[in-house]
C-alpha atoms as a PDB file:
ATOM      1  CA  MET A   1    -211.249-111.568-148.059  1.00  0.00           C
ATOM      2  CA  ARG A   2    -209.026-114.375-149.336  1.00  0.00           C
ATOM      3  CA  HIS A   3    -206.401-113.597-146.672  1.00  0.00           C
ATOM      4  CA  ALA A   4    -209.022-113.670-143.920  1.00  0.00           C
ATOM      5  CA  ALA A   5    -210.415-116.957-145.236  1.00  0.00           C
ATOM      6  CA  PHE A   6    -206.993-118.560-145.181  1.00  0.00           C
ATOM      7  CA  LEU A   7    -206.367-117.377-141.630  1.00  0.00           C
ATOM      8  CA  VAL A   8    -209.551-119.171-140.602  1.00  0.00           C
ATOM      9  CA  LEU A   9    -208.536-122.277-142.549  1.00  0.00           C
ATOM     10  CA  LEU A  10    -205.058-122.282-141.044  1.00  0.00           C
ATOM     11  CA  SER A  11    -206.679-122.043-137.633  1.00  0.00           C
ATOM     12  CA  LEU A  12    -208.787-125.114-138.333  1.00  0.00           C
ATOM     13  CA  LEU A  13    -205.837-127.046-139.725  1.00  0.00           C
ATOM     14  CA  ALA A  14    -203.713-126.075-136.738  1.00  0.00           C
ATOM     15  CA  SER A  15    -206.313-127.058-134.159  1.00  0.00           C
ATOM     16  CA  PRO A  16    -209.012-129.698-134.570  1.00  0.00           C
ATOM     17  CA  HIS A  17    -210.455-128.414-131.280  1.00  0.00           C
ATOM     18  CA  ALA A  18    -211.367-125.150-133.031  1.00  0.00           C
ATOM     19  CA  ARG A  19    -214.058-127.013-134.961  1.00  0.00           C
ATOM     20  CA  SER A  20    -216.333-127.123-131.936  1.00  0.00           C
ATOM     21  CA  ALA A  21    -218.730-124.290-131.117  1.00  0.00           C
ATOM     22  CA  PRO A  22    -216.913-120.925-130.843  1.00  0.00           C
ATOM     23  CA  GLU A  23    -216.193-119.659-127.363  1.00  0.00           C
ATOM     24  CA  THR A  24    -215.509-116.174-126.106  1.00  0.00           C
ATOM     25  CA  THR A  25    -211.961-115.987-124.809  1.00  0.00           C
ATOM     26  CA  GLN A  26    -211.827-114.547-121.307  1.00  0.00           C
ATOM     27  CA  VAL A  27    -209.016-112.258-120.159  1.00  0.00           C
ATOM     28  CA  PHE A  28    -208.870-111.099-116.544  1.00  0.00           C
ATOM     29  CA  LEU A  29    -206.730-110.509-113.466  1.00  0.00           C
ATOM     30  CA  ASP A  30    -207.163-112.882-110.523  1.00  0.00           C
ATOM     31  CA  ASN A  31    -205.088-112.990-107.356  1.00  0.00           C
ATOM     32  CA  GLY A  32    -202.352-110.948-109.009  1.00  0.00           C
ATOM     33  CA  GLU A  33    -202.124-113.242-112.054  1.00  0.00           C
ATOM     34  CA  LEU A  34    -203.162-112.622-115.637  1.00  0.00           C
ATOM     35  CA  ASN A  35    -205.598-115.208-116.965  1.00  0.00           C
ATOM     36  CA  TYR A  36    -206.270-116.229-120.576  1.00  0.00           C
ATOM     37  CA  VAL A  37    -209.104-118.736-120.939  1.00  0.00           C
ATOM     38  CA  GLY A  38    -210.176-119.787-124.422  1.00  0.00           C
ATOM     39  CA  GLY A  39    -208.852-120.027-127.953  1.00  0.00           C
ATOM     40  CA  MET A  40    -206.188-117.817-129.476  1.00  0.00           C
ATOM     41  CA  ASP A  41    -208.054-114.657-130.410  1.00  0.00           C
ATOM     42  CA  ALA A  42    -206.861-111.324-131.813  1.00  0.00           C
ATOM     43  CA  ASP A  43    -209.233-109.296-129.659  1.00  0.00           C
ATOM     44  CA  ALA A  44    -208.320-111.312-126.549  1.00  0.00           C
ATOM     45  CA  ASN A  45    -204.640-110.670-127.206  1.00  0.00           C
ATOM     46  CA  LYS A  46    -205.304-106.935-127.452  1.00  0.00           C
ATOM     47  CA  ARG A  47    -207.357-106.986-124.254  1.00  0.00           C
ATOM     48  CA  LEU A  48    -204.613-108.874-122.426  1.00  0.00           C
ATOM     49  CA  PHE A  49    -201.909-106.469-123.569  1.00  0.00           C
ATOM     50  CA  ALA A  50    -204.032-103.455-122.617  1.00  0.00           C
ATOM     51  CA  LEU A  51    -204.846-104.933-119.205  1.00  0.00           C
ATOM     52  CA  TYR A  52    -201.150-105.477-118.477  1.00  0.00           C
ATOM     53  CA  ASP A  53    -200.267-101.938-119.590  1.00  0.00           C
ATOM     54  CA  SER A  54    -202.999-100.476-117.376  1.00  0.00           C
ATOM     55  CA  LEU A  55    -201.681-102.033-114.156  1.00  0.00           C
ATOM     56  CA  ALA A  56    -199.310-100.101-111.944  1.00  0.00           C
ATOM     57  CA  ILE A  57    -197.998-103.342-110.423  1.00  0.00           C
ATOM     58  CA  LYS A  58    -197.150-105.603-113.327  1.00  0.00           C
ATOM     59  CA  PRO A  59    -198.156-109.272-112.964  1.00  0.00           C
ATOM     60  CA  THR A  60    -195.407-111.837-113.455  1.00  0.00           C
ATOM     61  CA  VAL A  61    -197.617-114.864-114.228  1.00  0.00           C
ATOM     62  CA  LEU A  62    -199.928-115.683-117.128  1.00  0.00           C
ATOM     63  CA  SER A  63    -202.248-118.552-116.243  1.00  0.00           C
ATOM     64  CA  ILE A  64    -203.614-120.055-119.440  1.00  0.00           C
ATOM     65  CA  ARG A  65    -206.203-122.639-120.463  1.00  0.00           C
ATOM     66  CA  SER A  66    -206.480-122.816-124.220  1.00  0.00           C
ATOM     67  CA  LYS A  67    -207.201-125.267-127.031  1.00  0.00           C
ATOM     68  CA  GLY A  68    -205.064-123.159-129.361  1.00  0.00           C
ATOM     69  CA  GLY A  69    -206.050-121.524-132.624  1.00  0.00           C
ATOM     70  CA  GLU A  70    -204.533-119.548-135.478  1.00  0.00           C
ATOM     71  CA  PRO A  71    -200.718-119.948-135.382  1.00  0.00           C
ATOM     72  CA  ASN A  72    -199.826-116.287-135.914  1.00  0.00           C
ATOM     73  CA  LEU A  73    -201.935-115.275-132.924  1.00  0.00           C
ATOM     74  CA  GLY A  74    -200.196-117.905-130.800  1.00  0.00           C
ATOM     75  CA  MET A  75    -196.782-116.628-131.858  1.00  0.00           C
ATOM     76  CA  ALA A  76    -197.825-113.032-131.141  1.00  0.00           C
ATOM     77  CA  LEU A  77    -198.929-113.993-127.639  1.00  0.00           C
ATOM     78  CA  GLY A  78    -195.803-116.056-127.026  1.00  0.00           C
ATOM     79  CA  ARG A  79    -193.513-113.271-128.187  1.00  0.00           C
ATOM     80  CA  TRP A  80    -195.298-110.839-125.855  1.00  0.00           C
ATOM     81  CA  VAL A  81    -194.859-113.288-122.944  1.00  0.00           C
ATOM     82  CA  ARG A  82    -191.135-113.755-123.623  1.00  0.00           C
ATOM     83  CA  GLU A  83    -190.464-110.037-124.047  1.00  0.00           C
ATOM     84  CA  ARG A  84    -192.015-109.370-120.636  1.00  0.00           C
ATOM     85  CA  GLN A  85    -190.320-112.364-119.019  1.00  0.00           C
ATOM     86  CA  LEU A  86    -193.613-113.704-117.716  1.00  0.00           C
ATOM     87  CA  ASP A  87    -194.059-117.118-116.121  1.00  0.00           C
ATOM     88  CA  ILE A  88    -196.648-119.482-117.596  1.00  0.00           C
ATOM     89  CA  LYS A  89    -199.030-121.499-115.428  1.00  0.00           C
ATOM     90  CA  VAL A  90    -201.093-124.381-116.814  1.00  0.00           C
ATOM     91  CA  LEU A  91    -203.495-126.047-114.404  1.00  0.00           C
ATOM     92  CA  GLU A  92    -205.623-127.879-116.990  1.00  0.00           C
ATOM     93  CA  PHE A  93    -204.523-127.794-120.612  1.00  0.00           C
ATOM     94  CA  CYS A  94    -202.534-125.835-123.187  1.00  0.00           C
ATOM     95  CA  LEU A  95    -203.021-127.359-126.630  1.00  0.00           C
ATOM     96  CA  SER A  96    -202.069-126.787-130.242  1.00  0.00           C
ATOM     97  CA  SER A  97    -200.845-123.196-130.796  1.00  0.00           C
ATOM     98  CA  CYS A  98    -200.785-122.667-127.026  1.00  0.00           C
ATOM     99  CA  ALA A  99    -198.357-125.585-126.628  1.00  0.00           C
ATOM    100  CA  ASN A 100    -196.398-124.770-129.779  1.00  0.00           C
ATOM    101  CA  TYR A 101    -195.739-121.109-129.065  1.00  0.00           C
ATOM    102  CA  VAL A 102    -196.971-119.828-125.696  1.00  0.00           C
ATOM    103  CA  PHE A 103    -195.855-122.520-123.246  1.00  0.00           C
ATOM    104  CA  PRO A 104    -192.174-122.540-124.321  1.00  0.00           C
ATOM    105  CA  ALA A 105    -192.096-118.720-124.153  1.00  0.00           C
ATOM    106  CA  GLY A 106    -192.548-118.652-120.378  1.00  0.00           C
ATOM    107  CA  ARG A 107    -189.594-117.775-118.169  1.00  0.00           C
ATOM    108  CA  GLN A 108    -190.745-120.370-115.645  1.00  0.00           C
ATOM    109  CA  LYS A 109    -193.462-122.915-116.433  1.00  0.00           C
ATOM    110  CA  VAL A 110    -195.721-124.178-113.643  1.00  0.00           C
ATOM    111  CA  VAL A 111    -198.007-127.152-114.335  1.00  0.00           C
ATOM    112  CA  SER A 112    -200.394-129.196-112.233  1.00  0.00           C
ATOM    113  CA  ASN A 113    -199.577-132.881-112.010  1.00  0.00           C
ATOM    114  CA  PHE A 114    -202.326-133.682-114.548  1.00  0.00           C
ATOM    115  CA  ALA A 115    -201.996-130.665-116.878  1.00  0.00           C
ATOM    116  CA  VAL A 116    -201.720-131.508-120.576  1.00  0.00           C
ATOM    117  CA  ILE A 117    -199.385-129.659-122.921  1.00  0.00           C
ATOM    118  CA  GLY A 118    -200.763-131.182-126.104  1.00  0.00           C
ATOM    119  CA  TYR A 119    -199.334-131.214-129.635  1.00  0.00           C
ATOM    120  CA  HIS A 120    -200.710-132.382-132.948  1.00  0.00           C
ATOM    121  CA  GLY A 121    -198.417-130.594-135.400  1.00  0.00           C
ATOM    122  CA  GLY A 122    -197.020-127.345-136.696  1.00  0.00           C
ATOM    123  CA  THR A 123    -197.294-125.515-139.993  1.00  0.00           C
ATOM    124  CA  SER A 124    -193.572-125.928-140.700  1.00  0.00           C
ATOM    125  CA  SER A 125    -194.189-129.643-141.371  1.00  0.00           C
ATOM    126  CA  GLY A 126    -196.189-128.733-144.474  1.00  0.00           C
ATOM    127  CA  GLN A 127    -198.698-131.448-143.545  1.00  0.00           C
ATOM    128  CA  TYR A 128    -202.418-130.835-143.397  1.00  0.00           C
ATOM    129  CA  GLN A 129    -205.645-132.793-143.517  1.00  0.00           C
ATOM    130  CA  PHE A 130    -209.131-131.455-144.128  1.00  0.00           C
ATOM    131  CA  ASP A 131    -211.981-132.476-141.877  1.00  0.00           C
ATOM    132  CA  PRO A 132    -214.870-134.222-143.688  1.00  0.00           C
ATOM    133  CA  ASP A 133    -216.931-131.049-144.182  1.00  0.00           C
ATOM    134  CA  MET A 134    -213.980-129.101-145.570  1.00  0.00           C
ATOM    135  CA  GLN A 135    -213.007-132.042-147.799  1.00  0.00           C
ATOM    136  CA  LYS A 136    -216.526-132.101-149.272  1.00  0.00           C
ATOM    137  CA  MET A 137    -216.275-128.385-149.990  1.00  0.00           C
ATOM    138  CA  VAL A 138    -212.904-128.797-151.705  1.00  0.00           C
ATOM    139  CA  ASP A 139    -214.072-131.825-153.696  1.00  0.00           C
ATOM    140  CA  ALA A 140    -217.089-129.856-154.927  1.00  0.00           C
ATOM    141  CA  MET A 141    -214.915-127.126-156.444  1.00  0.00           C
ATOM    142  CA  PRO A 142    -214.260-127.088-160.199  1.00  0.00           C
ATOM    143  CA  PRO A 143    -210.765-128.493-160.913  1.00  0.00           C
ATOM    144  CA  ALA A 144    -209.175-125.106-161.667  1.00  0.00           C
ATOM    145  CA  GLN A 145    -210.655-123.532-158.531  1.00  0.00           C
ATOM    146  CA  ARG A 146    -209.605-126.532-156.425  1.00  0.00           C
ATOM    147  CA  LYS A 147    -206.021-126.291-157.684  1.00  0.00           C
ATOM    148  CA  SER A 148    -205.905-122.544-157.007  1.00  0.00           C
ATOM    149  CA  PHE A 149    -207.342-123.089-153.517  1.00  0.00           C
ATOM    150  CA  VAL A 150    -204.823-125.799-152.603  1.00  0.00           C
ATOM    151  CA  ASP A 151    -201.919-123.855-154.130  1.00  0.00           C
ATOM    152  CA  ASP A 152    -202.849-120.759-152.111  1.00  0.00           C
ATOM    153  CA  LEU A 153    -203.260-122.833-148.964  1.00  0.00           C
ATOM    154  CA  GLU A 154    -199.846-124.451-149.375  1.00  0.00           C
ATOM    155  CA  HIS A 155    -198.267-121.049-150.076  1.00  0.00           C
ATOM    156  CA  SER A 156    -199.858-119.636-146.909  1.00  0.00           C
ATOM    157  CA  MET A 157    -198.753-122.634-144.867  1.00  0.00           C
ATOM    158  CA  LYS A 158    -195.200-122.356-146.196  1.00  0.00           C
ATOM    159  CA  ALA A 159    -195.003-118.689-145.176  1.00  0.00           C
ATOM    160  CA  THR A 160    -196.438-119.407-141.730  1.00  0.00           C
ATOM    161  CA  GLY A 161    -194.152-122.428-141.364  1.00  0.00           C
ATOM    162  CA  GLU A 162    -191.084-120.282-142.055  1.00  0.00           C
ATOM    163  CA  LYS A 163    -192.307-117.834-139.448  1.00  0.00           C
ATOM    164  CA  GLU A 164    -192.794-120.715-137.010  1.00  0.00           C
ATOM    165  CA  VAL A 165    -189.210-121.927-137.458  1.00  0.00           C
ATOM    166  CA  ALA A 166    -187.823-118.393-137.015  1.00  0.00           C
ATOM    167  CA  TYR A 167    -189.945-117.920-133.887  1.00  0.00           C
ATOM    168  CA  LEU A 168    -188.786-121.174-132.254  1.00  0.00           C
ATOM    169  CA  ARG A 169    -185.180-120.280-133.044  1.00  0.00           C
ATOM    170  CA  TRP A 170    -185.765-116.904-131.391  1.00  0.00           C
ATOM    171  CA  LEU A 171    -187.034-118.689-128.287  1.00  0.00           C
ATOM    172  CA  GLY A 172    -183.940-120.884-128.319  1.00  0.00           C
ATOM    173  CA  VAL A 173    -185.799-124.184-128.537  1.00  0.00           C
ATOM    174  CA  ARG A 174    -185.560-126.989-131.070  1.00  0.00           C
ATOM    175  CA  GLU A 175    -187.371-126.288-134.325  1.00  0.00           C
ATOM    176  CA  ASP A 176    -189.199-129.641-134.280  1.00  0.00           C
ATOM    177  CA  LEU A 177    -190.930-129.018-130.934  1.00  0.00           C
ATOM    178  CA  ALA A 178    -194.318-128.724-132.648  1.00  0.00           C
ATOM    179  CA  THR A 179    -193.745-131.235-135.448  1.00  0.00           C
ATOM    180  CA  LEU A 180    -191.778-134.194-134.070  1.00  0.00           C
ATOM    181  CA  GLY A 181    -194.860-136.371-133.610  1.00  0.00           C
ATOM    182  CA  GLN A 182    -195.794-135.890-137.262  1.00  0.00           C
ATOM    183  CA  GLN A 183    -192.887-138.107-138.238  1.00  0.00           C
ATOM    184  CA  GLU A 184    -194.040-141.502-139.479  1.00  0.00           C
ATOM    185  CA  ARG A 185    -192.208-143.404-136.751  1.00  0.00           C
ATOM    186  CA  TYR A 186    -194.369-141.709-134.102  1.00  0.00           C
ATOM    187  CA  GLN A 187    -197.700-141.482-135.902  1.00  0.00           C
ATOM    188  CA  ALA A 188    -198.502-145.151-135.361  1.00  0.00           C
ATOM    189  CA  ARG A 189    -198.718-144.341-131.643  1.00  0.00           C
ATOM    190  CA  TYR A 190    -201.835-142.243-132.077  1.00  0.00           C
ATOM    191  CA  LEU A 191    -203.293-142.169-135.598  1.00  0.00           C
ATOM    192  CA  ALA A 192    -204.983-145.558-135.239  1.00  0.00           C
ATOM    193  CA  ASP A 193    -206.881-144.491-132.112  1.00  0.00           C
ATOM    194  CA  PRO A 194    -209.623-141.892-132.723  1.00  0.00           C
ATOM    195  CA  ASN A 195    -209.604-141.041-129.011  1.00  0.00           C
ATOM    196  CA  VAL A 196    -205.981-139.874-129.144  1.00  0.00           C
ATOM    197  CA  LEU A 197    -205.646-136.258-130.251  1.00  0.00           C
ATOM    198  CA  GLY A 198    -201.865-136.072-130.478  1.00  0.00           C
ATOM    199  CA  TRP A 199    -198.800-136.227-128.297  1.00  0.00           C
ATOM    200  CA  THR A 200    -196.984-134.605-125.410  1.00  0.00           C
ATOM    201  CA  TYR A 201    -193.570-134.930-123.745  1.00  0.00           C
ATOM    202  CA  SER A 202    -192.168-135.817-120.351  1.00  0.00           C
ATOM    203  CA  LEU A 203    -190.041-133.397-118.334  1.00  0.00           C
ATOM    204  CA  ASP A 204    -186.909-135.016-119.767  1.00  0.00           C
ATOM    205  CA  GLY A 205    -188.412-134.847-123.231  1.00  0.00           C
ATOM    206  CA  PHE A 206    -189.135-131.139-122.944  1.00  0.00           C
ATOM    207  CA  ALA A 207    -185.567-130.591-121.713  1.00  0.00           C
ATOM    208  CA  ARG A 208    -184.244-132.199-124.911  1.00  0.00           C
ATOM    209  CA  PHE A 209    -186.022-129.433-126.811  1.00  0.00           C
ATOM    210  CA  ASN A 210    -184.434-126.877-124.445  1.00  0.00           C
ATOM    211  CA  VAL A 211    -187.851-126.192-122.901  1.00  0.00           C
ATOM    212  CA  ARG A 212    -186.712-126.021-119.293  1.00  0.00           C
ATOM    213  CA  ASN A 213    -187.646-124.480-115.940  1.00  0.00           C
ATOM    214  CA  ILE A 214    -190.811-126.573-115.621  1.00  0.00           C
ATOM    215  CA  SER A 215    -192.038-127.101-112.060  1.00  0.00           C
ATOM    216  CA  VAL A 216    -194.855-129.491-111.164  1.00  0.00           C
ATOM    217  CA  ILE A 217    -197.419-128.896-108.447  1.00  0.00           C
ATOM    218  CA  ASN A 218    -197.518-132.044-106.307  1.00  0.00           C
ATOM    219  CA  PRO A 219    -195.316-134.189-108.590  1.00  0.00           C
ATOM    220  CA  PRO A 220    -194.941-136.525-110.387  1.00  0.00           C
ATOM    221  CA  TRP A 221    -196.354-135.121-113.592  1.00  0.00           C
ATOM    222  CA  LYS A 222    -198.650-137.630-115.311  1.00  0.00           C
ATOM    223  CA  PRO A 223    -200.413-135.852-118.193  1.00  0.00           C
ATOM    224  CA  ASP A 224    -201.544-139.233-119.559  1.00  0.00           C
ATOM    225  CA  GLY A 225    -202.279-140.714-116.151  1.00  0.00           C
ATOM    226  CA  ILE A 226    -205.905-139.582-115.831  1.00  0.00           C
ATOM    227  CA  LYS A 227    -208.580-141.360-117.827  1.00  0.00           C
ATOM    228  CA  ARG A 228    -210.029-138.943-120.369  1.00  0.00           C
ATOM    229  CA  ALA A 229    -212.376-139.391-123.308  1.00  0.00           C
ATOM    230  CA  ARG A 230    -209.739-137.764-125.539  1.00  0.00           C
ATOM    231  CA  SER A 231    -206.073-137.986-124.655  1.00  0.00           C
ATOM    232  CA  PHE A 232    -202.462-137.361-125.709  1.00  0.00           C
ATOM    233  CA  VAL A 233    -199.698-139.971-125.731  1.00  0.00           C
ATOM    234  CA  VAL A 234    -196.223-139.275-124.384  1.00  0.00           C
ATOM    235  CA  ILE A 235    -193.431-139.615-126.944  1.00  0.00           C
ATOM    236  CA  GLU A 236    -189.725-139.235-126.246  1.00  0.00           C
ATOM    237  CA  PRO A 237    -187.513-137.206-128.598  1.00  0.00           C
ATOM    238  CA  ASP A 238    -184.006-138.333-129.520  1.00  0.00           C
END
């Protein structure tokens, strides 16, 4: 039970978008392409893998629209994509665990000129922040229980963070792909604005992380060029 609870908590810490009403993740084949629409989900992953295995003609493209979710599920999906040398297509958005782990796993990456590959952090940074409801719950715990809860959370995050680093190394990309914007020098770009959810990178920026082979439908790519209620700022890595 404790393990399951921490998986849920890690999911919430990894993706503020997961705090909205739950959605059923859709997995289907359309026009010869696999589609994954919704949050990272263990059952959806299984359904996707089974669908692929059932097809005599194997698709080469996974089109994805996802707000992310629990990091281990994102890494499992990304590893599956890389092992099958699938291309990734993002026409709208790929956020959080989708951006951290699935997008860089694609052999080729195809994006629309307004698609957002959005980041707000990775577990390897060790940073976390409770939303107001979770903070109230933690504050209401007796001191000993609160300490045990936080200690267990930090232990779980450390283990997942080590797995994250190993996974990104396996992909051959820079280990700070998911965490660069958590550095203090970048946080001023977005923390002061409640309408900014996190950050993204330009084509050149992605290349500095060794995330390459990105093609844009009807370029140029302007993920921050369309007015949205909630947005991501572009930061440039060293």
